[in-house]
Amino acid sequence: MSHTNGGLTRHHRKTKALGGTTEKKNISLLPRKKHRAWHLLFPGDWPPERIAKEINDVFLDPSYQFIAIRKEELCESSRLLSGSSSRSR
């Protein structure tokens, strides 16, 4: 949670505990208070599905559902729902 840059801290989007790297695409710069709040709410070893469950169970309006789904799965689900196939016709 360290490494400041002009009042901003480096946040690993995929945590190191879950195999995240220091590649630029995995780092977000956040104000210190937001970064600290994230880590207080969601321990570093929680996968996205567990974070989504906590948000749904504790924080979100019950008439909504927050989901965590891999982009690849989302693309495949969209193709299936639209009736298209990954195969050429």
PDB file of N, CA and C in Angstrom:
ATOM      1  N   MET A   1       0.829  -1.182   0.000  1.00  0.00           N
ATOM      2  CA  MET A   1       0.000   0.000   0.000  1.00  0.00           C
ATOM      3  C   MET A   1       0.874   1.247   0.000  1.00  0.00           C
ATOM      4  N   SER A   2       2.179   1.110  -0.072  1.00  0.00           N
ATOM      5  CA  SER A   2       3.043   2.274  -0.023  1.00  0.00           C
ATOM      6  C   SER A   2       3.315   2.822  -1.424  1.00  0.00           C
ATOM      7  N   HIS A   3       4.456   3.440  -1.598  1.00  0.00           N
ATOM      8  CA  HIS A   3       4.869   4.057  -2.857  1.00  0.00           C
ATOM      9  C   HIS A   3       3.948   5.213  -3.240  1.00  0.00           C
ATOM     10  N   THR A   4       4.230   6.374  -2.719  1.00  0.00           N
ATOM     11  CA  THR A   4       3.407   7.542  -3.018  1.00  0.00           C
ATOM     12  C   THR A   4       3.916   8.249  -4.262  1.00  0.00           C
ATOM     13  N   ASN A   5       3.032   9.019  -4.879  1.00  0.00           N
ATOM     14  CA  ASN A   5       3.357   9.784  -6.070  1.00  0.00           C
ATOM     15  C   ASN A   5       2.481  11.027  -6.071  1.00  0.00           C
ATOM     16  N   GLY A   6       2.995  12.140  -5.536  1.00  0.00           N
ATOM     17  CA  GLY A   6       2.214  13.366  -5.504  1.00  0.00           C
ATOM     18  C   GLY A   6       0.926  13.240  -4.713  1.00  0.00           C
ATOM     19  N   GLY A   7       0.942  12.555  -3.564  1.00  0.00           N
ATOM     20  CA  GLY A   7      -0.263  12.389  -2.762  1.00  0.00           C
ATOM     21  C   GLY A   7      -1.085  11.167  -3.150  1.00  0.00           C
ATOM     22  N   LEU A   8      -0.666  10.477  -4.184  1.00  0.00           N
ATOM     23  CA  LEU A   8      -1.373   9.270  -4.623  1.00  0.00           C
ATOM     24  C   LEU A   8      -0.575   8.039  -4.212  1.00  0.00           C
ATOM     25  N   THR A   9      -1.286   6.944  -4.006  1.00  0.00           N
ATOM     26  CA  THR A   9      -0.621   5.681  -3.675  1.00  0.00           C
ATOM     27  C   THR A   9      -0.892   4.671  -4.779  1.00  0.00           C
ATOM     28  N   ARG A  10       0.024   3.738  -4.901  1.00  0.00           N
ATOM     29  CA  ARG A  10      -0.106   2.677  -5.916  1.00  0.00           C
ATOM     30  C   ARG A  10      -0.953   1.542  -5.364  1.00  0.00           C
ATOM     31  N   HIS A  11      -1.983   1.195  -6.094  1.00  0.00           N
ATOM     32  CA  HIS A  11      -2.887   0.111  -5.699  1.00  0.00           C
ATOM     33  C   HIS A  11      -2.797  -0.992  -6.746  1.00  0.00           C
ATOM     34  N   HIS A  12      -2.533  -2.211  -6.286  1.00  0.00           N
ATOM     35  CA  HIS A  12      -2.520  -3.364  -7.192  1.00  0.00           C
ATOM     36  C   HIS A  12      -3.952  -3.800  -7.447  1.00  0.00           C
ATOM     37  N   ARG A  13      -4.386  -3.743  -8.686  1.00  0.00           N
ATOM     38  CA  ARG A  13      -5.763  -4.116  -9.025  1.00  0.00           C
ATOM     39  C   ARG A  13      -5.986  -5.610  -8.787  1.00  0.00           C
ATOM     40  N   LYS A  14      -5.056  -6.437  -9.208  1.00  0.00           N
ATOM     41  CA  LYS A  14      -5.035  -7.853  -8.815  1.00  0.00           C
ATOM     42  C   LYS A  14      -3.933  -7.933  -7.771  1.00  0.00           C
ATOM     43  N   THR A  15      -4.318  -8.296  -6.563  1.00  0.00           N
ATOM     44  CA  THR A  15      -3.367  -8.249  -5.458  1.00  0.00           C
ATOM     45  C   THR A  15      -2.191  -9.190  -5.661  1.00  0.00           C
ATOM     46  N   LYS A  16      -1.090  -8.830  -5.028  1.00  0.00           N
ATOM     47  CA  LYS A  16       0.081  -9.699  -5.070  1.00  0.00           C
ATOM     48  C   LYS A  16      -0.251 -11.053  -4.445  1.00  0.00           C
ATOM     49  N   ALA A  17      -1.108 -11.041  -3.408  1.00  0.00           N
ATOM     50  CA  ALA A  17      -1.502 -12.287  -2.734  1.00  0.00           C
ATOM     51  C   ALA A  17      -2.206 -13.252  -3.692  1.00  0.00           C
ATOM     52  N   LEU A  18      -2.831 -12.702  -4.740  1.00  0.00           N
ATOM     53  CA  LEU A  18      -3.528 -13.544  -5.720  1.00  0.00           C
ATOM     54  C   LEU A  18      -2.759 -13.640  -7.038  1.00  0.00           C
ATOM     55  N   GLY A  19      -1.468 -13.272  -7.004  1.00  0.00           N
ATOM     56  CA  GLY A  19      -0.627 -13.410  -8.191  1.00  0.00           C
ATOM     57  C   GLY A  19      -0.493 -12.163  -9.044  1.00  0.00           C
ATOM     58  N   GLY A  20      -0.947 -11.023  -8.555  1.00  0.00           N
ATOM     59  CA  GLY A  20      -0.843  -9.778  -9.303  1.00  0.00           C
ATOM     60  C   GLY A  20       0.600  -9.323  -9.449  1.00  0.00           C
ATOM     61  N   THR A  21       0.860  -8.572 -10.502  1.00  0.00           N
ATOM     62  CA  THR A  21       2.206  -8.103 -10.804  1.00  0.00           C
ATOM     63  C   THR A  21       2.288  -6.586 -10.630  1.00  0.00           C
ATOM     64  N   THR A  22       3.470  -6.050 -10.881  1.00  0.00           N
ATOM     65  CA  THR A  22       3.672  -4.605 -10.835  1.00  0.00           C
ATOM     66  C   THR A  22       3.589  -3.984 -12.227  1.00  0.00           C
ATOM     67  N   GLU A  23       3.066  -4.726 -13.190  1.00  0.00           N
ATOM     68  CA  GLU A  23       2.882  -4.176 -14.531  1.00  0.00           C
ATOM     69  C   GLU A  23       1.951  -2.971 -14.464  1.00  0.00           C
ATOM     70  N   LYS A  24       2.180  -1.996 -15.350  1.00  0.00           N
ATOM     71  CA  LYS A  24       1.407  -0.759 -15.349  1.00  0.00           C
ATOM     72  C   LYS A  24      -0.106  -1.019 -15.414  1.00  0.00           C
ATOM     73  N   LYS A  25      -0.535  -2.013 -16.209  1.00  0.00           N
ATOM     74  CA  LYS A  25      -1.969  -2.275 -16.350  1.00  0.00           C
ATOM     75  C   LYS A  25      -2.596  -2.802 -15.053  1.00  0.00           C
ATOM     76  N   ASN A  26      -1.777  -3.243 -14.106  1.00  0.00           N
ATOM     77  CA  ASN A  26      -2.283  -3.769 -12.842  1.00  0.00           C
ATOM     78  C   ASN A  26      -2.199  -2.751 -11.702  1.00  0.00           C
ATOM     79  N   ILE A  27      -1.741  -1.556 -11.994  1.00  0.00           N
ATOM     80  CA  ILE A  27      -1.564  -0.531 -10.966  1.00  0.00           C
ATOM     81  C   ILE A  27      -2.514   0.634 -11.216  1.00  0.00           C
ATOM     82  N   SER A  28      -3.203   1.047 -10.166  1.00  0.00           N
ATOM     83  CA  SER A  28      -4.005   2.277 -10.190  1.00  0.00           C
ATOM     84  C   SER A  28      -3.407   3.225  -9.167  1.00  0.00           C
ATOM     85  N   LEU A  29      -3.449   4.512  -9.478  1.00  0.00           N
ATOM     86  CA  LEU A  29      -3.017   5.519  -8.518  1.00  0.00           C
ATOM     87  C   LEU A  29      -4.248   6.073  -7.827  1.00  0.00           C
ATOM     88  N   LEU A  30      -4.258   5.968  -6.499  1.00  0.00           N
ATOM     89  CA  LEU A  30      -5.416   6.390  -5.704  1.00  0.00           C
ATOM     90  C   LEU A  30      -5.002   7.369  -4.624  1.00  0.00           C
ATOM     91  N   PRO A  31      -5.908   8.279  -4.251  1.00  0.00           N
ATOM     92  CA  PRO A  31      -5.648   9.078  -3.053  1.00  0.00           C
ATOM     93  C   PRO A  31      -5.504   8.132  -1.852  1.00  0.00           C
ATOM     94  N   ARG A  32      -4.619   8.505  -0.944  1.00  0.00           N
ATOM     95  CA  ARG A  32      -4.299   7.645   0.206  1.00  0.00           C
ATOM     96  C   ARG A  32      -5.544   7.191   0.968  1.00  0.00           C
ATOM     97  N   LYS A  33      -6.507   8.087   1.216  1.00  0.00           N
ATOM     98  CA  LYS A  33      -7.705   7.723   1.990  1.00  0.00           C
ATOM     99  C   LYS A  33      -8.531   6.657   1.282  1.00  0.00           C
ATOM    100  N   LYS A  34      -8.697   6.778  -0.029  1.00  0.00           N
ATOM    101  CA  LYS A  34      -9.466   5.764  -0.770  1.00  0.00           C
ATOM    102  C   LYS A  34      -8.745   4.426  -0.768  1.00  0.00           C
ATOM    103  N   HIS A  35      -7.437   4.468  -0.910  1.00  0.00           N
ATOM    104  CA  HIS A  35      -6.658   3.235  -0.915  1.00  0.00           C
ATOM    105  C   HIS A  35      -6.751   2.537   0.439  1.00  0.00           C
ATOM    106  N   ARG A  36      -6.602   3.308   1.494  1.00  0.00           N
ATOM    107  CA  ARG A  36      -6.693   2.738   2.845  1.00  0.00           C
ATOM    108  C   ARG A  36      -8.099   2.153   3.084  1.00  0.00           C
ATOM    109  N   ALA A  37      -9.133   2.881   2.644  1.00  0.00           N
ATOM    110  CA  ALA A  37     -10.511   2.407   2.824  1.00  0.00           C
ATOM    111  C   ALA A  37     -10.722   1.071   2.118  1.00  0.00           C
ATOM    112  N   TRP A  38     -10.215   0.950   0.897  1.00  0.00           N
ATOM    113  CA  TRP A  38     -10.359  -0.307   0.141  1.00  0.00           C
ATOM    114  C   TRP A  38      -9.777  -1.468   0.941  1.00  0.00           C
ATOM    115  N   HIS A  39      -8.562  -1.276   1.457  1.00  0.00           N
ATOM    116  CA  HIS A  39      -7.901  -2.360   2.176  1.00  0.00           C
ATOM    117  C   HIS A  39      -8.533  -2.633   3.539  1.00  0.00           C
ATOM    118  N   LEU A  40      -9.182  -1.648   4.129  1.00  0.00           N
ATOM    119  CA  LEU A  40      -9.917  -1.899   5.365  1.00  0.00           C
ATOM    120  C   LEU A  40     -11.181  -2.718   5.097  1.00  0.00           C
ATOM    121  N   LEU A  41     -11.838  -2.438   3.977  1.00  0.00           N
ATOM    122  CA  LEU A  41     -13.075  -3.135   3.636  1.00  0.00           C
ATOM    123  C   LEU A  41     -12.835  -4.532   3.060  1.00  0.00           C
ATOM    124  N   PHE A  42     -11.795  -4.660   2.241  1.00  0.00           N
ATOM    125  CA  PHE A  42     -11.579  -5.892   1.488  1.00  0.00           C
ATOM    126  C   PHE A  42     -10.135  -6.374   1.657  1.00  0.00           C
ATOM    127  N   PRO A  43      -9.914  -7.408   2.471  1.00  0.00           N
ATOM    128  CA  PRO A  43      -8.559  -7.938   2.651  1.00  0.00           C
ATOM    129  C   PRO A  43      -7.922  -8.333   1.314  1.00  0.00           C
ATOM    130  N   GLY A  44      -6.605  -8.242   1.248  1.00  0.00           N
ATOM    131  CA  GLY A  44      -5.862  -8.473   0.018  1.00  0.00           C
ATOM    132  C   GLY A  44      -5.987  -9.847  -0.595  1.00  0.00           C
ATOM    133  N   ASP A  45      -6.430 -10.839   0.180  1.00  0.00           N
ATOM    134  CA  ASP A  45      -6.548 -12.179  -0.395  1.00  0.00           C
ATOM    135  C   ASP A  45      -7.970 -12.510  -0.835  1.00  0.00           C
ATOM    136  N   TRP A  46      -8.876 -11.523  -0.798  1.00  0.00           N
ATOM    137  CA  TRP A  46     -10.247 -11.762  -1.247  1.00  0.00           C
ATOM    138  C   TRP A  46     -10.307 -11.699  -2.771  1.00  0.00           C
ATOM    139  N   PRO A  47     -10.837 -12.727  -3.405  1.00  0.00           N
ATOM    140  CA  PRO A  47     -11.021 -12.669  -4.864  1.00  0.00           C
ATOM    141  C   PRO A  47     -12.211 -11.769  -5.216  1.00  0.00           C
ATOM    142  N   PRO A  48     -12.291 -11.343  -6.469  1.00  0.00           N
ATOM    143  CA  PRO A  48     -13.381 -10.440  -6.881  1.00  0.00           C
ATOM    144  C   PRO A  48     -14.779 -10.936  -6.529  1.00  0.00           C
ATOM    145  N   GLU A  49     -15.016 -12.242  -6.615  1.00  0.00           N
ATOM    146  CA  GLU A  49     -16.345 -12.776  -6.300  1.00  0.00           C
ATOM    147  C   GLU A  49     -16.704 -12.546  -4.833  1.00  0.00           C
ATOM    148  N   ARG A  50     -15.731 -12.658  -3.956  1.00  0.00           N
ATOM    149  CA  ARG A  50     -15.975 -12.440  -2.521  1.00  0.00           C
ATOM    150  C   ARG A  50     -16.221 -10.952  -2.245  1.00  0.00           C
ATOM    151  N   ILE A  51     -15.498 -10.085  -2.949  1.00  0.00           N
ATOM    152  CA  ILE A  51     -15.701  -8.645  -2.805  1.00  0.00           C
ATOM    153  C   ILE A  51     -17.105  -8.278  -3.269  1.00  0.00           C
ATOM    154  N   ALA A  52     -17.529  -8.831  -4.410  1.00  0.00           N
ATOM    155  CA  ALA A  52     -18.881  -8.556  -4.913  1.00  0.00           C
ATOM    156  C   ALA A  52     -19.935  -9.029  -3.919  1.00  0.00           C
ATOM    157  N   LYS A  53     -19.727 -10.202  -3.322  1.00  0.00           N
ATOM    158  CA  LYS A  53     -20.682 -10.715  -2.340  1.00  0.00           C
ATOM    159  C   LYS A  53     -20.778  -9.778  -1.134  1.00  0.00           C
ATOM    160  N   GLU A  54     -19.647  -9.305  -0.643  1.00  0.00           N
ATOM    161  CA  GLU A  54     -19.641  -8.379   0.495  1.00  0.00           C
ATOM    162  C   GLU A  54     -20.368  -7.077   0.147  1.00  0.00           C
ATOM    163  N   ILE A  55     -20.113  -6.560  -1.052  1.00  0.00           N
ATOM    164  CA  ILE A  55     -20.794  -5.337  -1.487  1.00  0.00           C
ATOM    165  C   ILE A  55     -22.299  -5.567  -1.533  1.00  0.00           C
ATOM    166  N   ASN A  56     -22.731  -6.698  -2.086  1.00  0.00           N
ATOM    167  CA  ASN A  56     -24.158  -7.007  -2.164  1.00  0.00           C
ATOM    168  C   ASN A  56     -24.782  -7.213  -0.789  1.00  0.00           C
ATOM    169  N   ASP A  57     -24.103  -7.950   0.068  1.00  0.00           N
ATOM    170  CA  ASP A  57     -24.656  -8.290   1.379  1.00  0.00           C
ATOM    171  C   ASP A  57     -24.710  -7.107   2.344  1.00  0.00           C
ATOM    172  N   VAL A  58     -23.784  -6.154   2.190  1.00  0.00           N
ATOM    173  CA  VAL A  58     -23.636  -5.120   3.204  1.00  0.00           C
ATOM    174  C   VAL A  58     -23.940  -3.714   2.703  1.00  0.00           C
ATOM    175  N   PHE A  59     -23.531  -3.392   1.491  1.00  0.00           N
ATOM    176  CA  PHE A  59     -23.520  -1.993   1.077  1.00  0.00           C
ATOM    177  C   PHE A  59     -24.545  -1.603   0.022  1.00  0.00           C
ATOM    178  N   LEU A  60     -24.864  -2.473  -0.896  1.00  0.00           N
ATOM    179  CA  LEU A  60     -25.639  -2.095  -2.076  1.00  0.00           C
ATOM    180  C   LEU A  60     -27.142  -2.154  -1.840  1.00  0.00           C
ATOM    181  N   ASP A  61     -27.861  -1.257  -2.478  1.00  0.00           N
ATOM    182  CA  ASP A  61     -29.331  -1.273  -2.493  1.00  0.00           C
ATOM    183  C   ASP A  61     -29.768  -2.688  -2.864  1.00  0.00           C
ATOM    184  N   PRO A  62     -30.596  -3.346  -2.053  1.00  0.00           N
ATOM    185  CA  PRO A  62     -30.977  -4.738  -2.292  1.00  0.00           C
ATOM    186  C   PRO A  62     -31.703  -4.982  -3.618  1.00  0.00           C
ATOM    187  N   SER A  63     -32.186  -3.927  -4.267  1.00  0.00           N
ATOM    188  CA  SER A  63     -32.846  -4.128  -5.556  1.00  0.00           C
ATOM    189  C   SER A  63     -31.838  -4.207  -6.705  1.00  0.00           C
ATOM    190  N   TYR A  64     -30.547  -4.136  -6.393  1.00  0.00           N
ATOM    191  CA  TYR A  64     -29.484  -4.261  -7.391  1.00  0.00           C
ATOM    192  C   TYR A  64     -28.612  -5.459  -7.065  1.00  0.00           C
ATOM    193  N   GLN A  65     -27.861  -5.920  -8.045  1.00  0.00           N
ATOM    194  CA  GLN A  65     -26.914  -7.015  -7.854  1.00  0.00           C
ATOM    195  C   GLN A  65     -25.594  -6.625  -8.505  1.00  0.00           C
ATOM    196  N   PHE A  66     -24.545  -6.566  -7.724  1.00  0.00           N
ATOM    197  CA  PHE A  66     -23.198  -6.278  -8.210  1.00  0.00           C
ATOM    198  C   PHE A  66     -22.536  -7.610  -8.489  1.00  0.00           C
ATOM    199  N   ILE A  67     -21.999  -7.808  -9.693  1.00  0.00           N
ATOM    200  CA  ILE A  67     -21.378  -9.088 -10.019  1.00  0.00           C
ATOM    201  C   ILE A  67     -19.937  -8.882 -10.457  1.00  0.00           C
ATOM    202  N   ALA A  68     -19.142  -9.904 -10.243  1.00  0.00           N
ATOM    203  CA  ALA A  68     -17.768  -9.943 -10.723  1.00  0.00           C
ATOM    204  C   ALA A  68     -17.676 -11.131 -11.673  1.00  0.00           C
ATOM    205  N   ILE A  69     -17.324 -10.854 -12.915  1.00  0.00           N
ATOM    206  CA  ILE A  69     -17.215 -11.907 -13.903  1.00  0.00           C
ATOM    207  C   ILE A  69     -16.004 -11.616 -14.786  1.00  0.00           C
ATOM    208  N   ARG A  70     -15.245 -12.649 -15.116  1.00  0.00           N
ATOM    209  CA  ARG A  70     -14.082 -12.464 -15.988  1.00  0.00           C
ATOM    210  C   ARG A  70     -14.536 -11.945 -17.341  1.00  0.00           C
ATOM    211  N   LYS A  71     -13.746 -11.071 -17.917  1.00  0.00           N
ATOM    212  CA  LYS A  71     -14.092 -10.475 -19.204  1.00  0.00           C
ATOM    213  C   LYS A  71     -14.331 -11.546 -20.270  1.00  0.00           C
ATOM    214  N   GLU A  72     -13.516 -12.593 -20.252  1.00  0.00           N
ATOM    215  CA  GLU A  72     -13.685 -13.668 -21.241  1.00  0.00           C
ATOM    216  C   GLU A  72     -15.050 -14.335 -21.094  1.00  0.00           C
ATOM    217  N   GLU A  73     -15.471 -14.552 -19.867  1.00  0.00           N
ATOM    218  CA  GLU A  73     -16.772 -15.169 -19.611  1.00  0.00           C
ATOM    219  C   GLU A  73     -17.899 -14.236 -20.033  1.00  0.00           C
ATOM    220  N   LEU A  74     -17.731 -12.952 -19.807  1.00  0.00           N
ATOM    221  CA  LEU A  74     -18.728 -11.972 -20.182  1.00  0.00           C
ATOM    222  C   LEU A  74     -18.899 -11.934 -21.699  1.00  0.00           C
ATOM    223  N   CYS A  75     -17.787 -11.960 -22.425  1.00  0.00           N
ATOM    224  CA  CYS A  75     -17.847 -11.959 -23.894  1.00  0.00           C
ATOM    225  C   CYS A  75     -18.554 -13.211 -24.401  1.00  0.00           C
ATOM    226  N   GLU A  76     -18.235 -14.361 -23.829  1.00  0.00           N
ATOM    227  CA  GLU A  76     -18.871 -15.611 -24.250  1.00  0.00           C
ATOM    228  C   GLU A  76     -20.362 -15.590 -23.933  1.00  0.00           C
ATOM    229  N   SER A  77     -20.729 -15.089 -22.753  1.00  0.00           N
ATOM    230  CA  SER A  77     -22.143 -14.991 -22.379  1.00  0.00           C
ATOM    231  C   SER A  77     -22.887 -14.072 -23.334  1.00  0.00           C
ATOM    232  N   SER A  78     -22.275 -12.975 -23.705  1.00  0.00           N
ATOM    233  CA  SER A  78     -22.902 -12.037 -24.645  1.00  0.00           C
ATOM    234  C   SER A  78     -23.131 -12.695 -25.994  1.00  0.00           C
ATOM    235  N   ARG A  79     -22.146 -13.462 -26.454  1.00  0.00           N
ATOM    236  CA  ARG A  79     -22.296 -14.174 -27.739  1.00  0.00           C
ATOM    237  C   ARG A  79     -23.440 -15.177 -27.672  1.00  0.00           C
ATOM    238  N   LEU A  80     -23.520 -15.910 -26.574  1.00  0.00           N
ATOM    239  CA  LEU A  80     -24.577 -16.909 -26.436  1.00  0.00           C
ATOM    240  C   LEU A  80     -25.950 -16.243 -26.383  1.00  0.00           C
ATOM    241  N   LEU A  81     -26.055 -15.136 -25.651  1.00  0.00           N
ATOM    242  CA  LEU A  81     -27.336 -14.437 -25.542  1.00  0.00           C
ATOM    243  C   LEU A  81     -27.772 -13.820 -26.869  1.00  0.00           C
ATOM    244  N   SER A  82     -26.810 -13.375 -27.662  1.00  0.00           N
ATOM    245  CA  SER A  82     -27.160 -12.745 -28.938  1.00  0.00           C
ATOM    246  C   SER A  82     -27.397 -13.776 -30.035  1.00  0.00           C
ATOM    247  N   GLY A  83     -27.090 -15.042 -29.754  1.00  0.00           N
ATOM    248  CA  GLY A  83     -27.310 -16.096 -30.740  1.00  0.00           C
ATOM    249  C   GLY A  83     -26.187 -16.250 -31.732  1.00  0.00           C
ATOM    250  N   SER A  84     -25.095 -15.480 -31.570  1.00  0.00           N
ATOM    251  CA  SER A  84     -23.976 -15.620 -32.478  1.00  0.00           C
ATOM    252  C   SER A  84     -23.039 -16.669 -31.940  1.00  0.00           C
ATOM    253  N   SER A  85     -22.144 -17.122 -32.786  1.00  0.00           N
ATOM    254  CA  SER A  85     -21.204 -18.175 -32.429  1.00  0.00           C
ATOM    255  C   SER A  85     -19.808 -17.682 -32.684  1.00  0.00           C
ATOM    256  N   SER A  86     -18.833 -18.276 -31.991  1.00  0.00           N
ATOM    257  CA  SER A  86     -17.447 -17.915 -32.227  1.00  0.00           C
ATOM    258  C   SER A  86     -16.945 -18.536 -33.523  1.00  0.00           C
ATOM    259  N   ARG A  87     -17.713 -19.496 -34.085  1.00  0.00           N
ATOM    260  CA  ARG A  87     -17.323 -20.132 -35.347  1.00  0.00           C
ATOM    261  C   ARG A  87     -17.817 -19.299 -36.524  1.00  0.00           C
ATOM    262  N   SER A  88     -17.049 -19.307 -37.587  1.00  0.00           N
ATOM    263  CA  SER A  88     -17.461 -18.606 -38.811  1.00  0.00           C
ATOM    264  C   SER A  88     -18.534 -19.423 -39.505  1.00  0.00           C
ATOM    265  N   ARG A  89     -19.469 -18.732 -40.134  1.00  0.00           N
ATOM    266  CA  ARG A  89     -20.548 -19.442 -40.832  1.00  0.00           C
ATOM    267  C   ARG A  89     -20.336 -19.419 -42.318  1.00  0.00           C
TER     268      ARG A  89
END
